[in-house]
Amino acid sequence: MNKCALLVVDVQTEFIRGELYNKQKVIDNIKELISASRDNEIEVIYIRHVAKKYNQLENGTDELEIYSEIAPNSGDKIFNKSYNSAFYKTGLKQYLESKSIDTIILVGIQTEYCIDATCKSAFEHGFNVIIPEETNTTFDNEYLSGQKLYEFYNFNIWNKRFANVLPVEEVKKIITANRYT
């Protein structure tokens, strides 16, 4: 049986304030998965993007903090990153390996940047990656809407290549099956 962890990437106050595609549904689904993970003793790991070139994401600012509706508990592990991938120069890979975690349930913000880079890095490091539907989001850009970006990455790029994109209810069953592992 695989040992999994829920990885919550960049769900920070600064990003939540913006016009994200399907924002409330994504937040609600992430909250459900955090609750299910905690109920089943699956570790919840948070990733924060810290960037000095963006004043809002510097240490000590409210914007840097993880969004209050999904805030970590006092014992939850938080990794800070300065690059798109949650694995690059963070110690995340070594931490997951030290806990014998081989499956990552990946959720968060921005689909085409940090979620994409983290998904592909996890895959390259040999982790099984599960991406629950409607648990990542992004902003419109000059080429595509947030919805089109979400659909393109989840269903054309990641699914059955780098990850398994599954309905939230199916992921909750996986979490329950992994209880105490």
N, C-alpha and C. Protein backbone atom coordinates (compact mmCIF):
# COMPACT_ATOMS: atom_id res chain seq x y z
N MET A 1 0.84 -1.19 0.00
CA MET A 1 0.00 0.00 0.00
C MET A 1 0.88 1.25 0.00
N ASN A 2 0.51 2.23 -0.78
CA ASN A 2 1.26 3.48 -0.85
C ASN A 2 1.02 4.33 0.38
N LYS A 3 2.01 5.11 0.74
CA LYS A 3 1.87 6.07 1.82
C LYS A 3 1.78 7.46 1.19
N CYS A 4 0.70 8.17 1.48
CA CYS A 4 0.49 9.44 0.80
C CYS A 4 0.49 10.62 1.76
N ALA A 5 0.67 11.80 1.16
CA ALA A 5 0.58 13.07 1.86
C ALA A 5 -0.17 14.04 0.96
N LEU A 6 -0.86 14.99 1.58
CA LEU A 6 -1.53 16.05 0.86
C LEU A 6 -0.59 17.24 0.79
N LEU A 7 -0.26 17.70 -0.41
CA LEU A 7 0.64 18.82 -0.62
C LEU A 7 -0.18 20.02 -1.10
N VAL A 8 -0.21 21.08 -0.27
CA VAL A 8 -1.00 22.29 -0.54
C VAL A 8 -0.02 23.38 -0.96
N VAL A 9 -0.06 23.75 -2.23
CA VAL A 9 0.95 24.64 -2.81
C VAL A 9 0.39 26.05 -3.05
N ASP A 10 1.01 27.03 -2.42
CA ASP A 10 0.81 28.45 -2.72
C ASP A 10 -0.62 28.96 -2.54
N VAL A 11 -1.38 28.37 -1.65
CA VAL A 11 -2.72 28.91 -1.37
C VAL A 11 -2.51 30.00 -0.31
N GLN A 12 -2.05 31.14 -0.81
CA GLN A 12 -1.63 32.25 0.04
C GLN A 12 -2.57 33.44 -0.15
N THR A 13 -2.62 34.26 0.86
CA THR A 13 -3.53 35.41 0.87
C THR A 13 -3.40 36.26 -0.38
N GLU A 14 -2.19 36.54 -0.81
CA GLU A 14 -1.97 37.38 -1.99
C GLU A 14 -2.68 36.83 -3.22
N PHE A 15 -2.59 35.53 -3.43
CA PHE A 15 -3.20 34.93 -4.63
C PHE A 15 -4.72 34.84 -4.50
N ILE A 16 -5.20 34.53 -3.32
CA ILE A 16 -6.64 34.39 -3.10
C ILE A 16 -7.37 35.71 -3.34
N ARG A 17 -6.70 36.81 -3.11
CA ARG A 17 -7.32 38.12 -3.34
C ARG A 17 -7.60 38.39 -4.81
N GLY A 18 -6.94 37.66 -5.70
CA GLY A 18 -7.09 37.88 -7.14
C GLY A 18 -8.29 37.16 -7.73
N GLU A 19 -8.47 37.36 -9.02
CA GLU A 19 -9.60 36.78 -9.76
C GLU A 19 -9.22 35.40 -10.30
N LEU A 20 -9.22 34.44 -9.44
CA LEU A 20 -8.90 33.07 -9.82
C LEU A 20 -10.12 32.37 -10.40
N TYR A 21 -9.89 31.51 -11.37
CA TYR A 21 -10.97 30.70 -11.94
C TYR A 21 -11.50 29.73 -10.88
N ASN A 22 -12.81 29.67 -10.73
CA ASN A 22 -13.48 28.67 -9.88
C ASN A 22 -12.97 28.70 -8.43
N LYS A 23 -12.62 29.90 -7.97
CA LYS A 23 -11.92 30.06 -6.69
C LYS A 23 -12.64 29.41 -5.51
N GLN A 24 -13.92 29.69 -5.31
CA GLN A 24 -14.59 29.18 -4.11
C GLN A 24 -14.72 27.67 -4.13
N LYS A 25 -14.99 27.08 -5.29
CA LYS A 25 -15.08 25.62 -5.39
C LYS A 25 -13.73 24.97 -5.08
N VAL A 26 -12.66 25.57 -5.58
CA VAL A 26 -11.31 25.05 -5.32
C VAL A 26 -11.00 25.12 -3.82
N ILE A 27 -11.29 26.25 -3.20
CA ILE A 27 -11.04 26.39 -1.75
C ILE A 27 -11.87 25.37 -0.98
N ASP A 28 -13.14 25.24 -1.32
CA ASP A 28 -14.00 24.27 -0.62
C ASP A 28 -13.48 22.85 -0.77
N ASN A 29 -13.05 22.48 -1.97
CA ASN A 29 -12.52 21.13 -2.19
C ASN A 29 -11.21 20.91 -1.43
N ILE A 30 -10.35 21.91 -1.40
CA ILE A 30 -9.10 21.78 -0.65
C ILE A 30 -9.42 21.62 0.84
N LYS A 31 -10.37 22.39 1.35
CA LYS A 31 -10.75 22.26 2.76
C LYS A 31 -11.26 20.85 3.06
N GLU A 32 -12.07 20.30 2.15
CA GLU A 32 -12.57 18.92 2.33
C GLU A 32 -11.42 17.92 2.39
N LEU A 33 -10.46 18.08 1.51
CA LEU A 33 -9.34 17.14 1.47
C LEU A 33 -8.43 17.30 2.69
N ILE A 34 -8.25 18.52 3.15
CA ILE A 34 -7.48 18.72 4.38
C ILE A 34 -8.18 18.05 5.54
N SER A 35 -9.47 18.23 5.65
CA SER A 35 -10.24 17.62 6.73
C SER A 35 -10.17 16.09 6.66
N ALA A 36 -10.36 15.54 5.46
CA ALA A 36 -10.29 14.08 5.29
C ALA A 36 -8.90 13.56 5.63
N SER A 37 -7.88 14.30 5.22
CA SER A 37 -6.50 13.88 5.52
C SER A 37 -6.26 13.87 7.02
N ARG A 38 -6.63 14.93 7.68
CA ARG A 38 -6.43 14.99 9.13
C ARG A 38 -7.23 13.92 9.85
N ASP A 39 -8.47 13.68 9.42
CA ASP A 39 -9.30 12.64 10.03
C ASP A 39 -8.69 11.25 9.88
N ASN A 40 -7.89 11.07 8.83
CA ASN A 40 -7.31 9.76 8.55
C ASN A 40 -5.80 9.72 8.77
N GLU A 41 -5.29 10.70 9.51
CA GLU A 41 -3.88 10.78 9.87
C GLU A 41 -2.93 10.75 8.67
N ILE A 42 -3.37 11.43 7.61
CA ILE A 42 -2.53 11.64 6.44
C ILE A 42 -1.90 13.02 6.60
N GLU A 43 -0.60 13.11 6.43
CA GLU A 43 0.09 14.37 6.65
C GLU A 43 -0.32 15.42 5.61
N VAL A 44 -0.56 16.63 6.10
CA VAL A 44 -0.83 17.79 5.26
C VAL A 44 0.43 18.66 5.29
N ILE A 45 0.99 18.91 4.11
CA ILE A 45 2.23 19.68 3.98
C ILE A 45 1.91 20.93 3.16
N TYR A 46 2.33 22.07 3.67
CA TYR A 46 2.08 23.34 3.00
C TYR A 46 3.36 23.87 2.34
N ILE A 47 3.17 24.48 1.19
CA ILE A 47 4.26 25.13 0.47
C ILE A 47 3.88 26.60 0.29
N ARG A 48 4.82 27.49 0.61
CA ARG A 48 4.61 28.93 0.41
C ARG A 48 5.64 29.47 -0.55
N HIS A 49 5.18 30.31 -1.45
CA HIS A 49 6.11 30.99 -2.35
C HIS A 49 6.58 32.28 -1.69
N VAL A 50 7.88 32.40 -1.52
CA VAL A 50 8.49 33.59 -0.93
C VAL A 50 9.35 34.21 -2.02
N ALA A 51 9.11 35.48 -2.33
CA ALA A 51 9.88 36.13 -3.39
C ALA A 51 10.13 37.58 -3.03
N LYS A 52 11.38 37.91 -2.86
CA LYS A 52 11.72 39.29 -2.48
C LYS A 52 11.40 40.29 -3.57
N LYS A 53 11.41 39.85 -4.83
CA LYS A 53 11.14 40.82 -5.89
C LYS A 53 9.67 41.23 -5.93
N TYR A 54 8.82 40.45 -5.30
CA TYR A 54 7.40 40.82 -5.16
C TYR A 54 7.21 41.21 -3.70
N ASN A 55 7.10 42.47 -3.41
CA ASN A 55 7.02 42.92 -2.02
C ASN A 55 5.94 42.21 -1.22
N GLN A 56 4.85 41.82 -1.88
CA GLN A 56 3.75 41.19 -1.18
C GLN A 56 4.13 39.80 -0.64
N LEU A 57 5.11 39.15 -1.22
CA LEU A 57 5.43 37.78 -0.83
C LEU A 57 6.74 37.69 -0.04
N GLU A 58 7.07 38.75 0.67
CA GLU A 58 8.26 38.72 1.53
C GLU A 58 7.89 38.19 2.90
N ASN A 59 8.88 37.60 3.57
CA ASN A 59 8.67 37.13 4.94
C ASN A 59 8.13 38.27 5.80
N GLY A 60 7.17 37.95 6.65
CA GLY A 60 6.62 38.93 7.57
C GLY A 60 5.41 39.68 7.04
N THR A 61 5.03 39.45 5.78
CA THR A 61 3.85 40.14 5.24
C THR A 61 2.62 39.26 5.36
N ASP A 62 1.47 39.87 5.53
CA ASP A 62 0.21 39.11 5.60
C ASP A 62 -0.07 38.38 4.29
N GLU A 63 0.31 38.98 3.18
CA GLU A 63 0.05 38.39 1.87
C GLU A 63 0.77 37.06 1.69
N LEU A 64 1.90 36.90 2.32
CA LEU A 64 2.68 35.67 2.23
C LEU A 64 1.97 34.50 2.92
N GLU A 65 1.20 34.80 3.93
CA GLU A 65 0.63 33.75 4.78
C GLU A 65 -0.36 32.86 4.03
N ILE A 66 -0.44 31.64 4.48
CA ILE A 66 -1.39 30.69 3.92
C ILE A 66 -2.79 31.19 4.23
N TYR A 67 -3.66 31.09 3.24
CA TYR A 67 -5.02 31.61 3.34
C TYR A 67 -5.71 31.05 4.59
N SER A 68 -6.34 31.93 5.32
CA SER A 68 -6.88 31.60 6.65
C SER A 68 -7.87 30.44 6.65
N GLU A 69 -8.65 30.27 5.59
CA GLU A 69 -9.65 29.18 5.57
C GLU A 69 -9.02 27.80 5.51
N ILE A 70 -7.76 27.72 5.13
CA ILE A 70 -7.08 26.41 5.06
C ILE A 70 -5.79 26.44 5.86
N ALA A 71 -5.72 27.31 6.83
CA ALA A 71 -4.48 27.52 7.59
C ALA A 71 -3.96 26.23 8.20
N PRO A 72 -2.64 26.13 8.28
CA PRO A 72 -2.04 24.94 8.88
C PRO A 72 -2.31 24.86 10.38
N ASN A 73 -2.32 23.64 10.89
CA ASN A 73 -2.33 23.42 12.34
C ASN A 73 -0.91 23.64 12.84
N SER A 74 -0.77 23.76 14.13
CA SER A 74 0.54 24.09 14.70
C SER A 74 1.62 23.08 14.36
N GLY A 75 1.30 21.83 14.18
CA GLY A 75 2.31 20.82 13.89
C GLY A 75 2.54 20.55 12.42
N ASP A 76 1.80 21.21 11.54
CA ASP A 76 1.94 20.95 10.11
C ASP A 76 3.26 21.50 9.58
N LYS A 77 3.84 20.76 8.66
CA LYS A 77 5.12 21.15 8.05
C LYS A 77 4.85 22.20 6.96
N ILE A 78 5.67 23.26 6.94
CA ILE A 78 5.58 24.31 5.93
C ILE A 78 6.96 24.45 5.29
N PHE A 79 6.99 24.38 3.97
CA PHE A 79 8.22 24.62 3.22
C PHE A 79 8.07 25.92 2.46
N ASN A 80 9.10 26.74 2.49
CA ASN A 80 9.14 27.95 1.68
C ASN A 80 9.93 27.66 0.41
N LYS A 81 9.46 28.25 -0.69
CA LYS A 81 10.16 28.08 -1.96
C LYS A 81 10.31 29.42 -2.65
N SER A 82 11.29 29.51 -3.53
CA SER A 82 11.52 30.73 -4.30
C SER A 82 11.43 30.49 -5.79
N TYR A 83 11.13 29.26 -6.18
CA TYR A 83 11.03 28.87 -7.58
C TYR A 83 9.68 28.20 -7.78
N ASN A 84 9.31 27.93 -9.03
CA ASN A 84 8.00 27.32 -9.29
C ASN A 84 7.84 25.94 -8.65
N SER A 85 8.84 25.11 -8.73
CA SER A 85 8.73 23.76 -8.19
C SER A 85 8.88 23.75 -6.67
N ALA A 86 7.99 23.02 -6.02
CA ALA A 86 8.08 22.86 -4.56
C ALA A 86 9.28 22.00 -4.17
N PHE A 87 9.91 21.35 -5.13
CA PHE A 87 11.05 20.48 -4.84
C PHE A 87 12.39 21.18 -4.98
N TYR A 88 12.46 22.25 -5.75
CA TYR A 88 13.75 22.87 -6.06
C TYR A 88 14.28 23.68 -4.88
N LYS A 89 15.38 23.19 -4.30
CA LYS A 89 16.09 23.85 -3.20
C LYS A 89 15.22 24.06 -1.95
N THR A 90 14.34 23.08 -1.66
CA THR A 90 13.48 23.22 -0.48
C THR A 90 13.68 22.12 0.56
N GLY A 91 14.22 21.00 0.18
CA GLY A 91 14.33 19.86 1.09
C GLY A 91 13.08 19.00 1.12
N LEU A 92 12.09 19.32 0.30
CA LEU A 92 10.83 18.56 0.29
C LEU A 92 11.06 17.10 -0.09
N LYS A 93 11.83 16.85 -1.12
CA LYS A 93 12.07 15.46 -1.55
C LYS A 93 12.66 14.63 -0.41
N GLN A 94 13.67 15.17 0.25
CA GLN A 94 14.31 14.44 1.34
C GLN A 94 13.33 14.21 2.50
N TYR A 95 12.52 15.21 2.78
CA TYR A 95 11.54 15.08 3.86
C TYR A 95 10.54 13.96 3.53
N LEU A 96 10.00 13.97 2.32
CA LEU A 96 9.03 12.94 1.93
C LEU A 96 9.67 11.55 1.99
N GLU A 97 10.88 11.44 1.51
CA GLU A 97 11.58 10.15 1.55
C GLU A 97 11.82 9.71 2.99
N SER A 98 12.14 10.64 3.89
CA SER A 98 12.37 10.28 5.29
C SER A 98 11.11 9.76 5.97
N LYS A 99 9.97 10.14 5.44
CA LYS A 99 8.67 9.69 5.97
C LYS A 99 8.11 8.50 5.17
N SER A 100 8.87 8.00 4.21
CA SER A 100 8.46 6.90 3.32
C SER A 100 7.19 7.23 2.54
N ILE A 101 7.00 8.50 2.23
CA ILE A 101 5.84 8.92 1.43
C ILE A 101 6.21 8.75 -0.04
N ASP A 102 5.35 8.03 -0.76
CA ASP A 102 5.62 7.81 -2.18
C ASP A 102 4.50 8.32 -3.08
N THR A 103 3.42 8.82 -2.48
CA THR A 103 2.29 9.32 -3.24
C THR A 103 1.92 10.71 -2.74
N ILE A 104 1.80 11.63 -3.67
CA ILE A 104 1.46 13.01 -3.34
C ILE A 104 0.09 13.34 -3.93
N ILE A 105 -0.77 13.87 -3.08
CA ILE A 105 -2.03 14.44 -3.54
C ILE A 105 -1.76 15.94 -3.65
N LEU A 106 -1.77 16.46 -4.86
CA LEU A 106 -1.30 17.81 -5.15
C LEU A 106 -2.47 18.76 -5.41
N VAL A 107 -2.52 19.86 -4.64
CA VAL A 107 -3.54 20.88 -4.81
C VAL A 107 -2.90 22.26 -4.70
N GLY A 108 -3.56 23.31 -5.25
CA GLY A 108 -3.06 24.65 -5.03
C GLY A 108 -3.20 25.61 -6.20
N ILE A 109 -2.35 26.62 -6.15
CA ILE A 109 -2.40 27.76 -7.08
C ILE A 109 -1.02 27.91 -7.72
N GLN A 110 -0.84 28.26 -8.77
CA GLN A 110 -1.26 28.52 -10.09
C GLN A 110 -1.02 27.33 -10.97
N THR A 111 -2.06 26.89 -11.61
CA THR A 111 -2.05 25.68 -12.42
C THR A 111 -0.85 25.60 -13.35
N GLU A 112 -0.64 26.62 -14.17
CA GLU A 112 0.37 26.55 -15.23
C GLU A 112 1.78 26.88 -14.76
N TYR A 113 1.93 27.30 -13.54
CA TYR A 113 3.26 27.62 -13.00
C TYR A 113 3.65 26.63 -11.92
N CYS A 114 3.31 26.91 -10.69
CA CYS A 114 3.82 26.13 -9.56
C CYS A 114 3.21 24.74 -9.46
N ILE A 115 1.95 24.58 -9.84
CA ILE A 115 1.37 23.23 -9.81
C ILE A 115 1.99 22.38 -10.92
N ASP A 116 2.12 22.94 -12.10
CA ASP A 116 2.73 22.21 -13.21
C ASP A 116 4.17 21.81 -12.88
N ALA A 117 4.96 22.75 -12.41
CA ALA A 117 6.37 22.46 -12.10
C ALA A 117 6.48 21.43 -10.98
N THR A 118 5.64 21.54 -9.97
CA THR A 118 5.68 20.59 -8.85
C THR A 118 5.22 19.21 -9.29
N CYS A 119 4.18 19.15 -10.10
CA CYS A 119 3.69 17.86 -10.62
C CYS A 119 4.80 17.14 -11.39
N LYS A 120 5.41 17.84 -12.30
CA LYS A 120 6.44 17.21 -13.14
C LYS A 120 7.69 16.86 -12.34
N SER A 121 8.07 17.70 -11.39
CA SER A 121 9.22 17.39 -10.54
C SER A 121 8.94 16.16 -9.68
N ALA A 122 7.76 16.09 -9.12
CA ALA A 122 7.39 14.92 -8.31
C ALA A 122 7.45 13.66 -9.15
N PHE A 123 6.91 13.72 -10.35
CA PHE A 123 6.95 12.59 -11.26
C PHE A 123 8.40 12.18 -11.55
N GLU A 124 9.24 13.16 -11.86
CA GLU A 124 10.64 12.86 -12.17
C GLU A 124 11.40 12.27 -10.98
N HIS A 125 10.97 12.61 -9.77
CA HIS A 125 11.60 12.06 -8.56
C HIS A 125 11.00 10.70 -8.17
N GLY A 126 10.06 10.20 -8.96
CA GLY A 126 9.52 8.87 -8.73
C GLY A 126 8.29 8.80 -7.83
N PHE A 127 7.71 9.93 -7.50
CA PHE A 127 6.50 9.93 -6.69
C PHE A 127 5.28 9.67 -7.56
N ASN A 128 4.31 8.99 -7.00
CA ASN A 128 2.99 8.88 -7.63
C ASN A 128 2.29 10.20 -7.35
N VAL A 129 1.66 10.78 -8.35
CA VAL A 129 1.00 12.06 -8.18
C VAL A 129 -0.48 11.92 -8.49
N ILE A 130 -1.29 12.39 -7.55
CA ILE A 130 -2.75 12.43 -7.73
C ILE A 130 -3.15 13.89 -7.68
N ILE A 131 -3.91 14.31 -8.67
CA ILE A 131 -4.43 15.68 -8.69
C ILE A 131 -5.95 15.59 -8.66
N PRO A 132 -6.56 15.96 -7.54
CA PRO A 132 -8.02 15.95 -7.47
C PRO A 132 -8.60 17.05 -8.36
N GLU A 133 -9.67 16.72 -9.06
CA GLU A 133 -10.33 17.70 -9.91
C GLU A 133 -10.80 18.89 -9.09
N GLU A 134 -10.74 20.05 -9.70
CA GLU A 134 -11.20 21.31 -9.09
C GLU A 134 -10.50 21.62 -7.75
N THR A 135 -9.19 21.34 -7.71
CA THR A 135 -8.39 21.69 -6.53
C THR A 135 -7.15 22.49 -6.91
N ASN A 136 -7.06 22.90 -8.15
CA ASN A 136 -6.02 23.84 -8.56
C ASN A 136 -6.68 24.88 -9.45
N THR A 137 -6.08 26.04 -9.48
CA THR A 137 -6.68 27.14 -10.21
C THR A 137 -5.61 28.13 -10.64
N THR A 138 -6.04 29.08 -11.47
CA THR A 138 -5.13 30.11 -11.94
C THR A 138 -5.92 31.32 -12.43
N PHE A 139 -5.19 32.30 -12.90
CA PHE A 139 -5.76 33.55 -13.41
C PHE A 139 -5.85 33.51 -14.93
N ASP A 140 -6.74 34.31 -15.50
CA ASP A 140 -6.73 34.54 -16.94
C ASP A 140 -5.39 35.18 -17.30
N ASN A 141 -4.91 34.87 -18.50
CA ASN A 141 -3.73 35.59 -19.00
C ASN A 141 -4.04 36.14 -20.38
N GLU A 142 -3.06 36.70 -21.06
CA GLU A 142 -3.33 37.32 -22.35
C GLU A 142 -3.67 36.32 -23.44
N TYR A 143 -3.45 35.03 -23.20
CA TYR A 143 -3.69 34.01 -24.22
C TYR A 143 -4.89 33.12 -23.92
N LEU A 144 -5.07 32.77 -22.65
CA LEU A 144 -6.11 31.82 -22.28
C LEU A 144 -6.78 32.24 -20.98
N SER A 145 -8.01 31.82 -20.83
CA SER A 145 -8.73 32.05 -19.57
C SER A 145 -8.21 31.08 -18.52
N GLY A 146 -8.45 31.41 -17.26
CA GLY A 146 -8.11 30.50 -16.18
C GLY A 146 -8.77 29.14 -16.36
N GLN A 147 -10.00 29.13 -16.84
CA GLN A 147 -10.71 27.88 -17.08
C GLN A 147 -10.02 27.05 -18.15
N LYS A 148 -9.64 27.67 -19.26
CA LYS A 148 -8.96 26.93 -20.33
C LYS A 148 -7.60 26.40 -19.87
N LEU A 149 -6.88 27.21 -19.10
CA LEU A 149 -5.60 26.75 -18.56
C LEU A 149 -5.80 25.55 -17.64
N TYR A 150 -6.79 25.65 -16.74
CA TYR A 150 -7.10 24.55 -15.83
C TYR A 150 -7.41 23.28 -16.63
N GLU A 151 -8.31 23.38 -17.59
CA GLU A 151 -8.72 22.21 -18.38
C GLU A 151 -7.56 21.65 -19.17
N PHE A 152 -6.77 22.51 -19.81
CA PHE A 152 -5.66 22.06 -20.64
C PHE A 152 -4.63 21.29 -19.81
N TYR A 153 -4.19 21.85 -18.69
CA TYR A 153 -3.17 21.17 -17.89
C TYR A 153 -3.70 19.91 -17.22
N ASN A 154 -4.87 20.00 -16.61
CA ASN A 154 -5.39 18.85 -15.88
C ASN A 154 -5.71 17.67 -16.80
N PHE A 155 -6.34 17.93 -17.92
CA PHE A 155 -6.86 16.83 -18.74
C PHE A 155 -6.05 16.53 -20.00
N ASN A 156 -5.21 17.46 -20.44
CA ASN A 156 -4.41 17.21 -21.64
C ASN A 156 -2.92 17.03 -21.35
N ILE A 157 -2.42 17.67 -20.32
CA ILE A 157 -0.99 17.57 -20.02
C ILE A 157 -0.72 16.53 -18.92
N TRP A 158 -1.36 16.65 -17.77
CA TRP A 158 -1.00 15.81 -16.63
C TRP A 158 -1.64 14.43 -16.62
N ASN A 159 -2.95 14.36 -16.86
CA ASN A 159 -3.68 13.11 -16.63
C ASN A 159 -3.12 11.96 -17.47
N LYS A 160 -2.78 10.90 -16.76
CA LYS A 160 -2.26 9.66 -17.33
C LYS A 160 -0.89 9.82 -18.00
N ARG A 161 -0.24 10.97 -17.73
CA ARG A 161 1.14 11.17 -18.16
C ARG A 161 2.03 11.37 -16.93
N PHE A 162 1.76 12.45 -16.22
CA PHE A 162 2.54 12.80 -15.04
C PHE A 162 1.79 12.52 -13.74
N ALA A 163 0.47 12.37 -13.85
CA ALA A 163 -0.38 12.22 -12.66
C ALA A 163 -1.68 11.53 -13.05
N ASN A 164 -2.44 11.20 -12.03
CA ASN A 164 -3.81 10.77 -12.24
C ASN A 164 -4.72 11.87 -11.72
N VAL A 165 -5.52 12.43 -12.61
CA VAL A 165 -6.48 13.46 -12.24
C VAL A 165 -7.79 12.74 -11.96
N LEU A 166 -8.24 12.86 -10.70
CA LEU A 166 -9.39 12.07 -10.24
C LEU A 166 -10.43 12.97 -9.57
N PRO A 167 -11.69 12.55 -9.57
CA PRO A 167 -12.72 13.30 -8.83
C PRO A 167 -12.38 13.35 -7.33
N VAL A 168 -12.76 14.43 -6.69
CA VAL A 168 -12.48 14.62 -5.26
C VAL A 168 -13.00 13.46 -4.43
N GLU A 169 -14.19 12.98 -4.71
CA GLU A 169 -14.76 11.87 -3.93
C GLU A 169 -13.90 10.62 -4.03
N GLU A 170 -13.33 10.36 -5.20
CA GLU A 170 -12.44 9.21 -5.37
C GLU A 170 -11.14 9.40 -4.57
N VAL A 171 -10.64 10.62 -4.54
CA VAL A 171 -9.42 10.91 -3.78
C VAL A 171 -9.69 10.76 -2.29
N LYS A 172 -10.86 11.15 -1.83
CA LYS A 172 -11.20 10.96 -0.41
C LYS A 172 -11.21 9.48 -0.06
N LYS A 173 -11.63 8.62 -0.96
CA LYS A 173 -11.59 7.16 -0.73
C LYS A 173 -10.15 6.67 -0.62
N ILE A 174 -9.28 7.23 -1.46
CA ILE A 174 -7.85 6.87 -1.40
C ILE A 174 -7.27 7.30 -0.06
N ILE A 175 -7.63 8.48 0.40
CA ILE A 175 -7.17 8.97 1.70
C ILE A 175 -7.62 8.04 2.82
N THR A 176 -8.87 7.65 2.79
CA THR A 176 -9.41 6.74 3.81
C THR A 176 -8.69 5.39 3.77
N ALA A 177 -8.41 4.89 2.57
CA ALA A 177 -7.73 3.61 2.42
C ALA A 177 -6.29 3.68 2.94
N ASN A 178 -5.70 4.87 2.97
CA ASN A 178 -4.32 5.05 3.42
C ASN A 178 -4.22 5.37 4.90
N ARG A 179 -5.32 5.36 5.59
CA ARG A 179 -5.35 5.71 7.02
C ARG A 179 -4.28 4.91 7.78
N TYR A 180 -3.53 5.63 8.60
CA TYR A 180 -2.52 5.07 9.51
C TYR A 180 -1.34 4.43 8.80
N THR A 181 -1.16 4.67 7.52
CA THR A 181 0.00 4.03 6.86
C THR A 181 1.20 4.93 6.91
